[in-house]
């Protein structure tokens, strides 16, 4: 087996593991929807509504950017984990799942980023007509 094939296999396994982790975490978040806000951070955040959730995502995104600007790998990973977690809370609030996001990423896989962006712009112009 070539190194390239080994690398692709490892990447596929990591992707499967990541999807599993995201799915399990989303299930925990979903289970906290009806929990006591005094005993669950997720329940408290969900009870505060979308403005609080979105504010937290903005804070975490800023912290991830600052960690990246500092070139601090451990902080980049930790802040990105916080950002992803809060994005999962947002998805749960809107009745969406990480699977839908992963499916969208899979749909875009292999597309040129520039072509994909141009197609989205063209679609939004058509929808405005």
Protein backbone atom coordinates (compact mmCIF):
# COMPACT_ATOMS: atom_id res chain seq x y z
CA UNK A 1 0.00 0.00 0.00
CA UNK A 2 1.34 3.44 -0.88
CA UNK A 3 1.74 6.26 1.61
CA UNK A 4 -0.97 8.20 -0.25
CA UNK A 5 -3.48 5.36 0.17
CA UNK A 6 -2.56 5.00 3.84
CA UNK A 7 -3.07 8.73 4.30
CA UNK A 8 -6.48 8.63 2.58
CA UNK A 9 -7.50 5.68 4.74
CA UNK A 10 -6.46 7.50 7.91
CA UNK A 11 -8.32 10.61 6.78
CA UNK A 12 -11.47 8.57 6.09
CA UNK A 13 -11.26 6.94 9.52
CA UNK A 14 -10.77 10.34 11.16
CA UNK A 15 -13.78 11.71 9.27
CA UNK A 16 -15.93 8.79 10.40
CA UNK A 17 -14.76 9.24 14.00
CA UNK A 18 -15.41 12.99 13.82
CA UNK A 19 -18.93 12.44 12.52
CA UNK A 20 -19.55 9.98 15.33
CA UNK A 21 -18.27 12.38 17.97
CA UNK A 22 -20.37 15.21 16.58
CA UNK A 23 -23.44 13.00 16.46
CA UNK A 24 -22.98 11.79 20.03
CA UNK A 25 -22.39 15.33 21.28
CA UNK A 26 -25.47 16.55 19.38
CA UNK A 27 -27.52 13.82 21.09
CA UNK A 28 -26.33 14.98 24.51
CA UNK A 29 -27.17 18.59 23.61
CA UNK A 30 -30.61 17.48 22.39
CA UNK A 31 -31.21 15.64 25.67
CA UNK A 32 -30.48 18.83 27.59
CA UNK A 33 -33.27 20.80 25.89
CA UNK A 34 -35.70 19.96 28.67
CA UNK A 35 -33.17 19.99 31.49
CA UNK A 36 -33.08 22.37 34.42
CA UNK A 37 -31.21 25.57 33.39
CA UNK A 38 -29.82 25.74 36.94
CA UNK A 39 -28.10 22.37 36.47
CA UNK A 40 -27.13 22.38 32.78
CA UNK A 41 -25.09 24.95 30.88
CA UNK A 42 -26.67 23.83 27.60
CA UNK A 43 -30.19 24.08 29.01
CA UNK A 44 -29.39 27.56 30.33
CA UNK A 45 -28.00 28.70 26.98
CA UNK A 46 -30.97 27.25 25.08
CA UNK A 47 -33.40 28.90 27.52
CA UNK A 48 -31.79 32.28 26.85
CA UNK A 49 -32.57 31.89 23.16
CA UNK A 50 -30.84 32.56 19.87
CA UNK A 51 -29.32 35.94 20.76
CA UNK A 52 -27.36 34.41 23.66
CA UNK A 53 -26.33 31.40 21.57
CA UNK A 54 -25.18 33.55 18.65
CA UNK A 55 -23.33 35.93 20.98
CA UNK A 56 -21.45 32.96 22.43
CA UNK A 57 -20.55 31.73 18.95
CA UNK A 58 -19.17 35.19 18.14
CA UNK A 59 -17.10 35.18 21.32
CA UNK A 60 -15.72 31.72 20.65
CA UNK A 61 -14.94 32.57 17.01
CA UNK A 62 -13.01 35.62 18.17
CA UNK A 63 -11.07 33.54 20.68
CA UNK A 64 -10.24 30.97 17.97
CA UNK A 65 -8.98 33.75 15.69
CA UNK A 66 -6.87 35.24 18.48
CA UNK A 67 -5.35 31.82 19.26
CA UNK A 68 -4.53 31.36 15.58
CA UNK A 69 -3.00 34.83 15.35
CA UNK A 70 -0.81 33.90 18.34
CA UNK A 71 0.17 30.65 16.60
CA UNK A 72 -0.69 28.63 19.71
CA UNK A 73 -1.64 25.13 18.51
CA UNK A 74 -3.12 23.89 21.81
CA UNK A 75 -5.23 27.04 22.17
CA UNK A 76 -6.30 26.86 18.52
CA UNK A 77 -7.60 23.33 19.10
CA UNK A 78 -9.29 24.20 22.41
CA UNK A 79 -10.95 27.36 21.08
CA UNK A 80 -12.07 25.60 17.90
CA UNK A 81 -13.61 22.86 20.06
CA UNK A 82 -15.48 25.55 22.02
CA UNK A 83 -16.65 27.14 18.76
CA UNK A 84 -17.84 23.84 17.30
CA UNK A 85 -19.63 22.98 20.54
CA UNK A 86 -21.55 26.24 20.52
CA UNK A 87 -22.36 25.78 16.82
CA UNK A 88 -23.87 22.41 17.77
CA UNK A 89 -26.00 24.19 20.37
CA UNK A 90 -27.14 26.61 17.65
CA UNK A 91 -28.01 23.74 15.32
CA UNK A 92 -30.03 22.07 18.08
CA UNK A 93 -31.88 25.31 18.78
CA UNK A 94 -32.96 25.49 15.14
CA UNK A 95 -33.83 21.79 14.93
CA UNK A 96 -30.86 20.99 12.71
CA UNK A 97 -28.21 18.30 13.04
CA UNK A 98 -24.48 18.02 12.44
CA UNK A 99 -25.34 15.34 9.85
CA UNK A 100 -26.95 18.05 7.71
CA UNK A 101 -23.76 20.12 7.87
CA UNK A 102 -21.60 17.07 7.12
CA UNK A 103 -23.87 16.22 4.17
CA UNK A 104 -23.45 19.77 2.85
CA UNK A 105 -19.68 19.50 3.19
CA UNK A 106 -19.78 16.15 1.38
CA UNK A 107 -21.84 17.73 -1.39
CA UNK A 108 -19.16 20.39 -1.81
CA UNK A 109 -16.28 17.91 -1.66
CA UNK A 110 -14.26 17.98 -4.84
CA UNK A 111 -15.77 21.26 -5.99
CA UNK A 112 -13.60 24.27 -6.53
CA UNK A 113 -14.28 26.70 -3.71
CA UNK A 114 -14.44 29.51 -6.25
CA UNK A 115 -16.94 27.61 -8.43
CA UNK A 116 -19.08 26.69 -5.42
CA UNK A 117 -19.15 30.29 -4.20
CA UNK A 118 -20.09 31.55 -7.68
CA UNK A 119 -22.93 29.00 -7.86
CA UNK A 120 -24.28 30.19 -4.49
CA UNK A 121 -24.18 33.81 -5.66
CA UNK A 122 -25.97 32.95 -8.90
CA UNK A 123 -28.60 31.00 -6.94
CA UNK A 124 -29.22 33.89 -4.55
CA UNK A 125 -29.62 36.32 -7.47
CA UNK A 126 -32.18 34.01 -9.11
CA UNK A 127 -34.09 33.70 -5.84
CA UNK A 128 -34.28 37.49 -5.55
CA UNK A 129 -36.02 37.84 -8.90
